[in-house]
Full PDB file with SEQRES, HELIX, SHEET, SSBOND, CRYST1, ORIGX, SCALE, CONECT and MASTER records, all heavy atoms in Angstrom:
SEQRES   1 A   40  TYR LEU CYS LYS ARG PRO ALA SER ASN ASP ASN TYR TYR          
SEQRES   2 A   40  PRO ALA PHE ASN GLN PRO ASN VAL THR LEU ILE ASP VAL          
SEQRES   3 A   40  ALA GLU THR ARG GLY LEU GLU ARG LEU THR GLU LYS GLY          
SEQRES   4 A   40  PHE                                                          
HELIX    1 AA1 TYR A   12  ALA A   15  1                                   4    
CRYST1    1.000    1.000    1.000  90.00  90.00  90.00 P 1           1          
ORIGX1      1.000000  0.000000  0.000000        0.00000                         
ORIGX2      0.000000  1.000000  0.000000        0.00000                         
ORIGX3      0.000000  0.000000  1.000000        0.00000                         
SCALE1      1.000000  0.000000  0.000000        0.00000                         
SCALE2      0.000000  1.000000  0.000000        0.00000                         
SCALE3      0.000000  0.000000  1.000000        0.00000                         
ATOM      1  N   TYR A   1      30.509  91.720  73.299  1.00  0.00           N  
ATOM      2  CA  TYR A   1      29.845  90.825  74.233  1.00  0.00           C  
ATOM      3  C   TYR A   1      30.753  89.637  74.538  1.00  0.00           C  
ATOM      4  O   TYR A   1      31.403  89.102  73.653  1.00  0.00           O  
ATOM      5  CB  TYR A   1      28.524  90.352  73.620  1.00  0.00           C  
ATOM      6  CG  TYR A   1      27.837  89.264  74.400  1.00  0.00           C  
ATOM      7  CD1 TYR A   1      27.179  89.547  75.594  1.00  0.00           C  
ATOM      8  CD2 TYR A   1      27.842  87.954  73.947  1.00  0.00           C  
ATOM      9  CE1 TYR A   1      26.560  88.550  76.316  1.00  0.00           C  
ATOM     10  CE2 TYR A   1      27.213  86.947  74.656  1.00  0.00           C  
ATOM     11  CZ  TYR A   1      26.570  87.246  75.848  1.00  0.00           C  
ATOM     12  OH  TYR A   1      25.962  86.250  76.552  1.00  0.00           O  
ATOM     13  N   LEU A   2      30.814  89.252  75.811  1.00  0.00           N  
ATOM     14  CA  LEU A   2      31.641  88.166  76.347  1.00  0.00           C  
ATOM     15  C   LEU A   2      33.117  88.533  76.473  1.00  0.00           C  
ATOM     16  O   LEU A   2      33.936  87.667  76.735  1.00  0.00           O  
ATOM     17  CB  LEU A   2      31.490  86.860  75.554  1.00  0.00           C  
ATOM     18  CG  LEU A   2      30.235  86.044  75.870  1.00  0.00           C  
ATOM     19  CD1 LEU A   2      30.277  84.717  75.124  1.00  0.00           C  
ATOM     20  CD2 LEU A   2      30.059  85.800  77.366  1.00  0.00           C  
ATOM     21  N   CYS A   3      33.465  89.806  76.280  1.00  0.00           N  
ATOM     22  CA  CYS A   3      34.802  90.220  76.699  1.00  0.00           C  
ATOM     23  C   CYS A   3      34.881  90.218  78.228  1.00  0.00           C  
ATOM     24  O   CYS A   3      35.946  90.028  78.801  1.00  0.00           O  
ATOM     25  CB  CYS A   3      35.132  91.608  76.164  1.00  0.00           C  
ATOM     26  SG  CYS A   3      35.661  91.631  74.441  1.00  0.00           S  
ATOM     27  N   LYS A   4      33.752  90.474  78.877  1.00  0.00           N  
ATOM     28  CA  LYS A   4      33.625  90.349  80.320  1.00  0.00           C  
ATOM     29  C   LYS A   4      32.378  89.515  80.610  1.00  0.00           C  
ATOM     30  O   LYS A   4      31.492  89.399  79.765  1.00  0.00           O  
ATOM     31  CB  LYS A   4      33.492  91.724  80.990  1.00  0.00           C  
ATOM     32  CG  LYS A   4      34.796  92.484  81.115  1.00  0.00           C  
ATOM     33  CD  LYS A   4      34.583  93.862  81.727  1.00  0.00           C  
ATOM     34  CE  LYS A   4      34.097  93.825  83.150  1.00  0.00           C  
ATOM     35  NZ  LYS A   4      35.146  93.405  84.101  1.00  0.00           N  
ATOM     36  N   ARG A   5      32.346  88.950  81.790  1.00  0.00           N  
ATOM     37  CA  ARG A   5      31.201  88.120  82.170  1.00  0.00           C  
ATOM     38  C   ARG A   5      29.928  88.978  82.214  1.00  0.00           C  
ATOM     39  O   ARG A   5      29.886  89.982  82.929  1.00  0.00           O  
ATOM     40  CB  ARG A   5      31.441  87.472  83.530  1.00  0.00           C  
ATOM     41  CG  ARG A   5      30.343  86.504  83.957  1.00  0.00           C  
ATOM     42  CD  ARG A   5      30.692  85.813  85.255  1.00  0.00           C  
ATOM     43  NE  ARG A   5      29.641  84.870  85.648  1.00  0.00           N  
ATOM     44  CZ  ARG A   5      29.576  83.607  85.219  1.00  0.00           C  
ATOM     45  NH1 ARG A   5      30.512  83.142  84.409  1.00  0.00           N  
ATOM     46  NH2 ARG A   5      28.585  82.810  85.605  1.00  0.00           N  
ATOM     47  N   PRO A   6      28.887  88.600  81.482  1.00  0.00           N  
ATOM     48  CA  PRO A   6      27.643  89.379  81.500  1.00  0.00           C  
ATOM     49  C   PRO A   6      26.975  89.326  82.873  1.00  0.00           C  
ATOM     50  O   PRO A   6      27.067  88.329  83.591  1.00  0.00           O  
ATOM     51  CB  PRO A   6      26.767  88.686  80.447  1.00  0.00           C  
ATOM     52  CG  PRO A   6      27.699  87.856  79.624  1.00  0.00           C  
ATOM     53  CD  PRO A   6      28.810  87.463  80.542  1.00  0.00           C  
ATOM     54  N   ALA A   7      26.301  90.395  83.221  1.00  0.00           N  
ATOM     55  CA  ALA A   7      25.601  90.468  84.499  1.00  0.00           C  
ATOM     56  C   ALA A   7      24.191  91.003  84.275  1.00  0.00           C  
ATOM     57  O   ALA A   7      23.855  91.501  83.180  1.00  0.00           O  
ATOM     58  CB  ALA A   7      26.356  91.369  85.474  1.00  0.00           C  
ATOM     59  N   SER A   8      23.376  90.895  85.308  1.00  0.00           N  
ATOM     60  CA  SER A   8      22.032  91.478  85.254  1.00  0.00           C  
ATOM     61  C   SER A   8      21.661  91.926  86.658  1.00  0.00           C  
ATOM     62  O   SER A   8      21.955  91.235  87.638  1.00  0.00           O  
ATOM     63  CB  SER A   8      21.008  90.480  84.706  1.00  0.00           C  
ATOM     64  OG  SER A   8      20.978  89.286  85.465  1.00  0.00           O  
ATOM     65  N   ASN A   9      21.029  93.089  86.747  1.00  0.00           N  
ATOM     66  CA  ASN A   9      20.634  93.627  88.045  1.00  0.00           C  
ATOM     67  C   ASN A   9      19.695  94.802  87.811  1.00  0.00           C  
ATOM     68  O   ASN A   9      19.929  95.625  86.933  1.00  0.00           O  
ATOM     69  CB  ASN A   9      21.865  94.079  88.838  1.00  0.00           C  
ATOM     70  CG  ASN A   9      21.564  94.315  90.301  1.00  0.00           C  
ATOM     71  OD1 ASN A   9      20.925  95.299  90.669  1.00  0.00           O  
ATOM     72  ND2 ASN A   9      22.005  93.391  91.141  1.00  0.00           N  
ATOM     73  N   ASP A  10      18.644  94.866  88.605  1.00  0.00           N  
ATOM     74  CA  ASP A  10      17.656  95.937  88.433  1.00  0.00           C  
ATOM     75  C   ASP A  10      17.955  97.171  89.278  1.00  0.00           C  
ATOM     76  O   ASP A  10      17.339  98.223  89.069  1.00  0.00           O  
ATOM     77  CB  ASP A  10      16.256  95.419  88.778  1.00  0.00           C  
ATOM     78  CG  ASP A  10      15.792  94.326  87.830  1.00  0.00           C  
ATOM     79  OD1 ASP A  10      16.184  94.358  86.648  1.00  0.00           O  
ATOM     80  OD2 ASP A  10      15.048  93.425  88.279  1.00  0.00           O  
ATOM     81  N   ASN A  11      18.900  97.073  90.212  1.00  0.00           N  
ATOM     82  CA  ASN A  11      19.114  98.158  91.172  1.00  0.00           C  
ATOM     83  C   ASN A  11      20.498  98.796  91.092  1.00  0.00           C  
ATOM     84  O   ASN A  11      20.760  99.763  91.814  1.00  0.00           O  
ATOM     85  CB  ASN A  11      18.897  97.624  92.597  1.00  0.00           C  
ATOM     86  CG  ASN A  11      17.504  97.049  92.785  1.00  0.00           C  
ATOM     87  OD1 ASN A  11      16.506  97.686  92.433  1.00  0.00           O  
ATOM     88  ND2 ASN A  11      17.415  95.832  93.310  1.00  0.00           N  
ATOM     89  N   TYR A  12      21.364  98.272  90.222  1.00  0.00           N  
ATOM     90  CA  TYR A  12      22.733  98.782  90.176  1.00  0.00           C  
ATOM     91  C   TYR A  12      22.777 100.200  89.593  1.00  0.00           C  
ATOM     92  O   TYR A  12      23.291 101.125  90.238  1.00  0.00           O  
ATOM     93  CB  TYR A  12      23.614  97.840  89.348  1.00  0.00           C  
ATOM     94  CG  TYR A  12      25.075  98.241  89.311  1.00  0.00           C  
ATOM     95  CD1 TYR A  12      25.913  98.004  90.387  1.00  0.00           C  
ATOM     96  CD2 TYR A  12      25.619  98.847  88.182  1.00  0.00           C  
ATOM     97  CE1 TYR A  12      27.256  98.361  90.350  1.00  0.00           C  
ATOM     98  CE2 TYR A  12      26.961  99.202  88.129  1.00  0.00           C  
ATOM     99  CZ  TYR A  12      27.776  98.965  89.214  1.00  0.00           C  
ATOM    100  OH  TYR A  12      29.100  99.327  89.170  1.00  0.00           O  
ATOM    101  N   TYR A  13      22.259 100.391  88.401  1.00  0.00           N  
ATOM    102  CA  TYR A  13      22.308 101.726  87.795  1.00  0.00           C  
ATOM    103  C   TYR A  13      21.538 102.767  88.604  1.00  0.00           C  
ATOM    104  O   TYR A  13      22.055 103.883  88.834  1.00  0.00           O  
ATOM    105  CB  TYR A  13      21.790 101.675  86.361  1.00  0.00           C  
ATOM    106  CG  TYR A  13      22.704 100.959  85.393  1.00  0.00           C  
ATOM    107  CD1 TYR A  13      22.197 100.135  84.396  1.00  0.00           C  
ATOM    108  CD2 TYR A  13      24.089 101.101  85.469  1.00  0.00           C  
ATOM    109  CE1 TYR A  13      23.033  99.473  83.495  1.00  0.00           C  
ATOM    110  CE2 TYR A  13      24.934 100.450  84.587  1.00  0.00           C  
ATOM    111  CZ  TYR A  13      24.395  99.634  83.598  1.00  0.00           C  
ATOM    112  OH  TYR A  13      25.225  98.984  82.719  1.00  0.00           O  
ATOM    113  N   PRO A  14      20.326 102.478  89.100  1.00  0.00           N  
ATOM    114  CA  PRO A  14      19.635 103.486  89.917  1.00  0.00           C  
ATOM    115  C   PRO A  14      20.409 103.900  91.164  1.00  0.00           C  
ATOM    116  O   PRO A  14      20.218 105.014  91.666  1.00  0.00           O  
ATOM    117  CB  PRO A  14      18.321 102.780  90.288  1.00  0.00           C  
ATOM    118  CG  PRO A  14      18.080 101.816  89.167  1.00  0.00           C  
ATOM    119  CD  PRO A  14      19.451 101.332  88.797  1.00  0.00           C  
ATOM    120  N   ALA A  15      21.283 103.029  91.663  1.00  0.00           N  
ATOM    121  CA  ALA A  15      22.056 103.383  92.864  1.00  0.00           C  
ATOM    122  C   ALA A  15      22.887 104.638  92.648  1.00  0.00           C  
ATOM    123  O   ALA A  15      23.129 105.405  93.591  1.00  0.00           O  
ATOM    124  CB  ALA A  15      22.956 102.219  93.264  1.00  0.00           C  
ATOM    125  N   PHE A  16      23.317 104.879  91.399  1.00  0.00           N  
ATOM    126  CA  PHE A  16      24.174 106.032  91.132  1.00  0.00           C  
ATOM    127  C   PHE A  16      23.393 107.344  91.072  1.00  0.00           C  
ATOM    128  O   PHE A  16      23.995 108.413  90.915  1.00  0.00           O  
ATOM    129  CB  PHE A  16      24.968 105.798  89.844  1.00  0.00           C  
ATOM    130  CG  PHE A  16      26.007 104.719  89.991  1.00  0.00           C  
ATOM    131  CD1 PHE A  16      25.718 103.409  89.644  1.00  0.00           C  
ATOM    132  CD2 PHE A  16      27.252 105.009  90.517  1.00  0.00           C  
ATOM    133  CE1 PHE A  16      26.663 102.410  89.795  1.00  0.00           C  
ATOM    134  CE2 PHE A  16      28.199 104.012  90.687  1.00  0.00           C  
ATOM    135  CZ  PHE A  16      27.907 102.699  90.330  1.00  0.00           C  
ATOM    136  N   ASN A  17      22.086 107.269  91.227  1.00  0.00           N  
ATOM    137  CA  ASN A  17      21.286 108.485  91.361  1.00  0.00           C  
ATOM    138  C   ASN A  17      21.155 108.916  92.818  1.00  0.00           C  
ATOM    139  O   ASN A  17      20.576 109.972  93.099  1.00  0.00           O  
ATOM    140  CB  ASN A  17      19.890 108.273  90.757  1.00  0.00           C  
ATOM    141  CG  ASN A  17      19.944 108.174  89.248  1.00  0.00           C  
ATOM    142  OD1 ASN A  17      20.798 108.788  88.598  1.00  0.00           O  
ATOM    143  ND2 ASN A  17      19.034 107.401  88.668  1.00  0.00           N  
ATOM    144  N   GLN A  18      21.684 108.112  93.721  1.00  0.00           N  
ATOM    145  CA  GLN A  18      21.638 108.462  95.139  1.00  0.00           C  
ATOM    146  C   GLN A  18      22.797 109.387  95.491  1.00  0.00           C  
ATOM    147  O   GLN A  18      23.930 109.202  94.997  1.00  0.00           O  
ATOM    148  CB  GLN A  18      21.699 107.195  96.005  1.00  0.00           C  
ATOM    149  CG  GLN A  18      20.518 106.265  95.811  1.00  0.00           C  
ATOM    150  CD  GLN A  18      20.607 105.028  96.697  1.00  0.00           C  
ATOM    151  OE1 GLN A  18      20.050 103.990  96.383  1.00  0.00           O  
ATOM    152  NE2 GLN A  18      21.305 105.140  97.828  1.00  0.00           N  
ATOM    153  N   PRO A  19      22.574 110.362  96.370  1.00  0.00           N  
ATOM    154  CA  PRO A  19      23.645 111.311  96.716  1.00  0.00           C  
ATOM    155  C   PRO A  19      24.801 110.677  97.490  1.00  0.00           C  
ATOM    156  O   PRO A  19      25.894 111.257  97.544  1.00  0.00           O  
ATOM    157  CB  PRO A  19      22.921 112.355  97.572  1.00  0.00           C  
ATOM    158  CG  PRO A  19      21.714 111.647  98.103  1.00  0.00           C  
ATOM    159  CD  PRO A  19      21.298 110.687  97.035  1.00  0.00           C  
ATOM    160  N   ASN A  20      24.589 109.497  98.065  1.00  0.00           N  
ATOM    161  CA  ASN A  20      25.644 108.858  98.863  1.00  0.00           C  
ATOM    162  C   ASN A  20      26.458 107.840  98.057  1.00  0.00           C  
ATOM    163  O   ASN A  20      27.222 107.065  98.640  1.00  0.00           O  
ATOM    164  CB  ASN A  20      25.034 108.161 100.083  1.00  0.00           C  
ATOM    165  CG  ASN A  20      24.126 106.999  99.698  1.00  0.00           C  
ATOM    166  OD1 ASN A  20      23.451 107.056  98.672  1.00  0.00           O  
ATOM    167  ND2 ASN A  20      24.098 105.956 100.506  1.00  0.00           N  
ATOM    168  N   VAL A  21      26.297 107.827  96.736  1.00  0.00           N  
ATOM    169  CA  VAL A  21      27.026 106.884  95.879  1.00  0.00           C  
ATOM    170  C   VAL A  21      27.819 107.670  94.841  1.00  0.00           C  
ATOM    171  O   VAL A  21      27.257 108.503  94.109  1.00  0.00           O  
ATOM    172  CB  VAL A  21      26.077 105.897  95.181  1.00  0.00           C  
ATOM    173  CG1 VAL A  21      26.861 104.957  94.267  1.00  0.00           C  
ATOM    174  CG2 VAL A  21      25.285 105.098  96.215  1.00  0.00           C  
ATOM    175  N   THR A  22      29.128 107.394  94.774  1.00  0.00           N  
ATOM    176  CA  THR A  22      30.018 108.095  93.846  1.00  0.00           C  
ATOM    177  C   THR A  22      30.822 107.085  93.043  1.00  0.00           C  
ATOM    178  O   THR A  22      31.435 106.180  93.620  1.00  0.00           O  
ATOM    179  CB  THR A  22      30.990 109.020  94.605  1.00  0.00           C  
ATOM    180  OG1 THR A  22      30.243 109.940  95.391  1.00  0.00           O  
ATOM    181  CG2 THR A  22      31.901 109.769  93.637  1.00  0.00           C  
ATOM    182  N   LEU A  23      30.817 107.240  91.741  1.00  0.00           N  
ATOM    183  CA  LEU A  23      31.644 106.394  90.878  1.00  0.00           C  
ATOM    184  C   LEU A  23      33.036 107.002  90.765  1.00  0.00           C  
ATOM    185  O   LEU A  23      33.187 108.186  90.433  1.00  0.00           O  
ATOM    186  CB  LEU A  23      31.021 106.268  89.486  1.00  0.00           C  
ATOM    187  CG  LEU A  23      31.787 105.391  88.493  1.00  0.00           C  
ATOM    188  CD1 LEU A  23      31.705 103.920  88.898  1.00  0.00           C  
ATOM    189  CD2 LEU A  23      31.252 105.565  87.067  1.00  0.00           C  
ATOM    190  N   ILE A  24      34.059 106.204  91.043  1.00  0.00           N  
ATOM    191  CA  ILE A  24      35.450 106.609  90.852  1.00  0.00           C  
ATOM    192  C   ILE A  24      35.976 105.832  89.653  1.00  0.00           C  
ATOM    193  O   ILE A  24      36.271 104.644  89.746  1.00  0.00           O  
ATOM    194  CB  ILE A  24      36.308 106.312  92.101  1.00  0.00           C  
ATOM    195  CG1 ILE A  24      35.708 106.972  93.345  1.00  0.00           C  
ATOM    196  CG2 ILE A  24      37.747 106.744  91.881  1.00  0.00           C  
ATOM    197  CD1 ILE A  24      35.728 108.482  93.322  1.00  0.00           C  
ATOM    198  N   ASP A  25      36.054 106.493  88.510  1.00  0.00           N  
ATOM    199  CA  ASP A  25      36.461 105.838  87.267  1.00  0.00           C  
ATOM    200  C   ASP A  25      37.979 105.918  87.122  1.00  0.00           C  
ATOM    201  O   ASP A  25      38.537 107.005  86.959  1.00  0.00           O  
ATOM    202  CB  ASP A  25      35.773 106.527  86.083  1.00  0.00           C  
ATOM    203  CG  ASP A  25      36.050 105.823  84.762  1.00  0.00           C  
ATOM    204  OD1 ASP A  25      36.600 104.708  84.798  1.00  0.00           O  
ATOM    205  OD2 ASP A  25      35.723 106.396  83.705  1.00  0.00           O  
ATOM    206  N   VAL A  26      38.646 104.765  87.201  1.00  0.00           N  
ATOM    207  CA  VAL A  26      40.115 104.740  87.177  1.00  0.00           C  
ATOM    208  C   VAL A  26      40.651 104.176  85.858  1.00  0.00           C  
ATOM    209  O   VAL A  26      41.789 103.710  85.796  1.00  0.00           O  
ATOM    210  CB  VAL A  26      40.672 103.921  88.370  1.00  0.00           C  
ATOM    211  CG1 VAL A  26      40.280 104.568  89.685  1.00  0.00           C  
ATOM    212  CG2 VAL A  26      40.201 102.470  88.311  1.00  0.00           C  
ATOM    213  N   ALA A  27      39.834 104.228  84.804  1.00  0.00           N  
ATOM    214  CA  ALA A  27      40.289 103.703  83.516  1.00  0.00           C  
ATOM    215  C   ALA A  27      41.525 104.440  83.018  1.00  0.00           C  
ATOM    216  O   ALA A  27      42.501 103.826  82.563  1.00  0.00           O  
ATOM    217  CB  ALA A  27      39.161 103.804  82.485  1.00  0.00           C  
ATOM    218  N   GLU A  28      41.499 105.757  83.096  1.00  0.00           N  
ATOM    219  CA  GLU A  28      42.596 106.555  82.556  1.00  0.00           C  
ATOM    220  C   GLU A  28      43.875 106.349  83.348  1.00  0.00           C  
ATOM    221  O   GLU A  28      44.975 106.348  82.791  1.00  0.00           O  
ATOM    222  CB  GLU A  28      42.201 108.043  82.560  1.00  0.00           C  
ATOM    223  CG  GLU A  28      42.983 108.880  81.571  1.00  0.00           C  
ATOM    224  CD  GLU A  28      42.707 108.501  80.129  1.00  0.00           C  
ATOM    225  OE1 GLU A  28      41.538 108.321  79.757  1.00  0.00           O  
ATOM    226  OE2 GLU A  28      43.694 108.370  79.359  1.00  0.00           O  
ATOM    227  N   THR A  29      43.746 106.187  84.658  1.00  0.00           N  
ATOM    228  CA  THR A  29      44.919 106.014  85.512  1.00  0.00           C  
ATOM    229  C   THR A  29      45.258 104.537  85.724  1.00  0.00           C  
ATOM    230  O   THR A  29      46.217 104.216  86.428  1.00  0.00           O  
ATOM    231  CB  THR A  29      44.677 106.673  86.883  1.00  0.00           C  
ATOM    232  OG1 THR A  29      43.469 106.154  87.444  1.00  0.00           O  
ATOM    233  CG2 THR A  29      44.543 108.179  86.721  1.00  0.00           C  
ATOM    234  N   ARG A  30      44.460 103.655  85.138  1.00  0.00           N  
ATOM    235  CA  ARG A  30      44.658 102.196  85.239  1.00  0.00           C  
ATOM    236  C   ARG A  30      44.724 101.723  86.688  1.00  0.00           C  
ATOM    237  O   ARG A  30      45.472 100.824  87.034  1.00  0.00           O  
ATOM    238  CB  ARG A  30      45.919 101.769  84.478  1.00  0.00           C  
ATOM    239  CG  ARG A  30      45.846 102.008  82.967  1.00  0.00           C  
ATOM    240  CD  ARG A  30      47.161 101.652  82.304  1.00  0.00           C  
ATOM    241  NE  ARG A  30      47.074 101.707  80.850  1.00  0.00           N  
ATOM    242  CZ  ARG A  30      47.257 102.800  80.117  1.00  0.00           C  
ATOM    243  NH1 ARG A  30      47.523 103.952  80.731  1.00  0.00           N  
ATOM    244  NH2 ARG A  30      47.160 102.768  78.801  1.00  0.00           N  
ATOM    245  N   GLY A  31      43.913 102.327  87.516  1.00  0.00           N  
ATOM    246  CA  GLY A  31      43.856 101.930  88.922  1.00  0.00           C  
ATOM    247  C   GLY A  31      44.018 103.129  89.834  1.00  0.00           C  
ATOM    248  O   GLY A  31      44.293 104.257  89.389  1.00  0.00           O  
ATOM    249  N   LEU A  32      43.820 102.891  91.127  1.00  0.00           N  
ATOM    250  CA  LEU A  32      44.012 103.958  92.108  1.00  0.00           C  
ATOM    251  C   LEU A  32      45.489 104.342  92.195  1.00  0.00           C  
ATOM    252  O   LEU A  32      46.375 103.510  91.988  1.00  0.00           O  
ATOM    253  CB  LEU A  32      43.532 103.508  93.488  1.00  0.00           C  
ATOM    254  CG  LEU A  32      42.026 103.327  93.675  1.00  0.00           C  
ATOM    255  CD1 LEU A  32      41.739 102.811  95.080  1.00  0.00           C  
ATOM    256  CD2 LEU A  32      41.282 104.640  93.438  1.00  0.00           C  
ATOM    257  N   GLU A  33      45.722 105.589  92.535  1.00  0.00           N  
ATOM    258  CA  GLU A  33      47.102 106.066  92.678  1.00  0.00           C  
ATOM    259  C   GLU A  33      47.781 105.376  93.856  1.00  0.00           C  
ATOM    260  O   GLU A  33      48.889 104.851  93.732  1.00  0.00           O  
ATOM    261  CB  GLU A  33      47.101 107.580  92.870  1.00  0.00           C  
ATOM    262  CG  GLU A  33      48.483 108.197  92.924  1.00  0.00           C  
ATOM    263  CD  GLU A  33      48.406 109.716  93.013  1.00  0.00           C  
ATOM    264  OE1 GLU A  33      47.448 110.305  92.473  1.00  0.00           O  
ATOM    265  OE2 GLU A  33      49.321 110.301  93.638  1.00  0.00           O  
ATOM    266  N   ARG A  34      47.096 105.358  95.012  1.00  0.00           N  
ATOM    267  CA  ARG A  34      47.651 104.678  96.177  1.00  0.00           C  
ATOM    268  C   ARG A  34      46.615 104.688  97.304  1.00  0.00           C  
ATOM    269  O   ARG A  34      45.600 105.392  97.242  1.00  0.00           O  
ATOM    270  CB  ARG A  34      48.933 105.356  96.653  1.00  0.00           C  
ATOM    271  CG  ARG A  34      48.749 106.744  97.245  1.00  0.00           C  
ATOM    272  CD  ARG A  34      50.076 107.370  97.633  1.00  0.00           C  
ATOM    273  NE  ARG A  34      49.913 108.655  98.312  1.00  0.00           N  
ATOM    274  CZ  ARG A  34      49.744 109.806  97.688  1.00  0.00           C  
ATOM    275  NH1 ARG A  34      49.728 109.832  96.366  1.00  0.00           N  
ATOM    276  NH2 ARG A  34      49.603 110.931  98.391  1.00  0.00           N  
ATOM    277  N   LEU A  35      46.891 103.884  98.311  1.00  0.00           N  
ATOM    278  CA  LEU A  35      46.133 103.929  99.555  1.00  0.00           C  
ATOM    279  C   LEU A  35      46.952 104.667 100.606  1.00  0.00           C  
ATOM    280  O   LEU A  35      48.188 104.640 100.583  1.00  0.00           O  
ATOM    281  CB  LEU A  35      45.816 102.521 100.051  1.00  0.00           C  
ATOM    282  CG  LEU A  35      44.809 101.716  99.231  1.00  0.00           C  
ATOM    283  CD1 LEU A  35      44.703 100.292  99.764  1.00  0.00           C  
ATOM    284  CD2 LEU A  35      43.435 102.367  99.229  1.00  0.00           C  
ATOM    285  N   THR A  36      46.256 105.310 101.515  1.00  0.00           N  
ATOM    286  CA  THR A  36      46.903 105.991 102.634  1.00  0.00           C  
ATOM    287  C   THR A  36      46.371 105.381 103.939  1.00  0.00           C  
ATOM    288  O   THR A  36      45.551 104.466 103.914  1.00  0.00           O  
ATOM    289  CB  THR A  36      46.599 107.496 102.614  1.00  0.00           C  
ATOM    290  OG1 THR A  36      45.182 107.688 102.857  1.00  0.00           O  
ATOM    291  CG2 THR A  36      46.972 108.111 101.270  1.00  0.00           C  
ATOM    292  N   GLU A  37      46.812 105.891 105.055  1.00  0.00           N  
ATOM    293  CA  GLU A  37      46.304 105.406 106.336  1.00  0.00           C  
ATOM    294  C   GLU A  37      44.798 105.636 106.457  1.00  0.00           C  
ATOM    295  O   GLU A  37      44.086 104.852 107.084  1.00  0.00           O  
ATOM    296  CB  GLU A  37      47.018 106.089 107.494  1.00  0.00           C  
ATOM    297  CG  GLU A  37      48.467 105.672 107.668  1.00  0.00           C  
ATOM    298  CD  GLU A  37      49.073 106.232 108.934  1.00  0.00           C  
ATOM    299  OE1 GLU A  37      48.326 106.945 109.676  1.00  0.00           O  
ATOM    300  OE2 GLU A  37      50.253 105.958 109.220  1.00  0.00           O  
ATOM    301  N   LYS A  38      44.306 106.702 105.819  1.00  0.00           N  
ATOM    302  CA  LYS A  38      42.910 107.094 106.004  1.00  0.00           C  
ATOM    303  C   LYS A  38      42.003 106.770 104.826  1.00  0.00           C  
ATOM    304  O   LYS A  38      40.775 106.863 104.968  1.00  0.00           O  
ATOM    305  CB  LYS A  38      42.840 108.604 106.289  1.00  0.00           C  
ATOM    306  CG  LYS A  38      43.520 109.025 107.574  1.00  0.00           C  
ATOM    307  CD  LYS A  38      43.378 110.527 107.788  1.00  0.00           C  
ATOM    308  CE  LYS A  38      44.019 110.959 109.112  1.00  0.00           C  
ATOM    309  NZ  LYS A  38      43.866 112.427 109.316  1.00  0.00           N  
ATOM    310  N   GLY A  39      42.578 106.431 103.662  1.00  0.00           N  
ATOM    311  CA  GLY A  39      41.713 106.217 102.512  1.00  0.00           C  
ATOM    312  C   GLY A  39      42.490 105.951 101.245  1.00  0.00           C  
ATOM    313  O   GLY A  39      43.533 105.289 101.264  1.00  0.00           O  
ATOM    314  N   PHE A  40      42.001 106.497 100.134  1.00  0.00           N  
ATOM    315  CA  PHE A  40      42.654 106.271  98.841  1.00  0.00           C  
ATOM    316  C   PHE A  40      42.857 107.598  98.115  1.00  0.00           C  
ATOM    317  O   PHE A  40      42.172 108.595  98.390  1.00  0.00           O  
ATOM    318  CB  PHE A  40      41.830 105.310  97.973  1.00  0.00           C  
ATOM    319  CG  PHE A  40      40.469 105.820  97.561  1.00  0.00           C  
ATOM    320  CD1 PHE A  40      40.307 106.584  96.404  1.00  0.00           C  
ATOM    321  CD2 PHE A  40      39.334 105.521  98.311  1.00  0.00           C  
ATOM    322  CE1 PHE A  40      39.058 107.040  96.021  1.00  0.00           C  
ATOM    323  CE2 PHE A  40      38.073 105.954  97.933  1.00  0.00           C  
ATOM    324  CZ  PHE A  40      37.937 106.731  96.784  1.00  0.00           C  
TER     325      PHE A  40                                                      
MASTER        0    0    0    1    0    0    0    6  324    1    0    4          
END                                                                             
């Protein structure tokens, strides 16, 4: 606790149950590989 700023929200976790929301976890790659003209 307090390694990062604590937050609170009632709608953040439920958002990931929606089909139009995707989590891109970049912990292993320590960030995105790159950006392109059209996206990432």
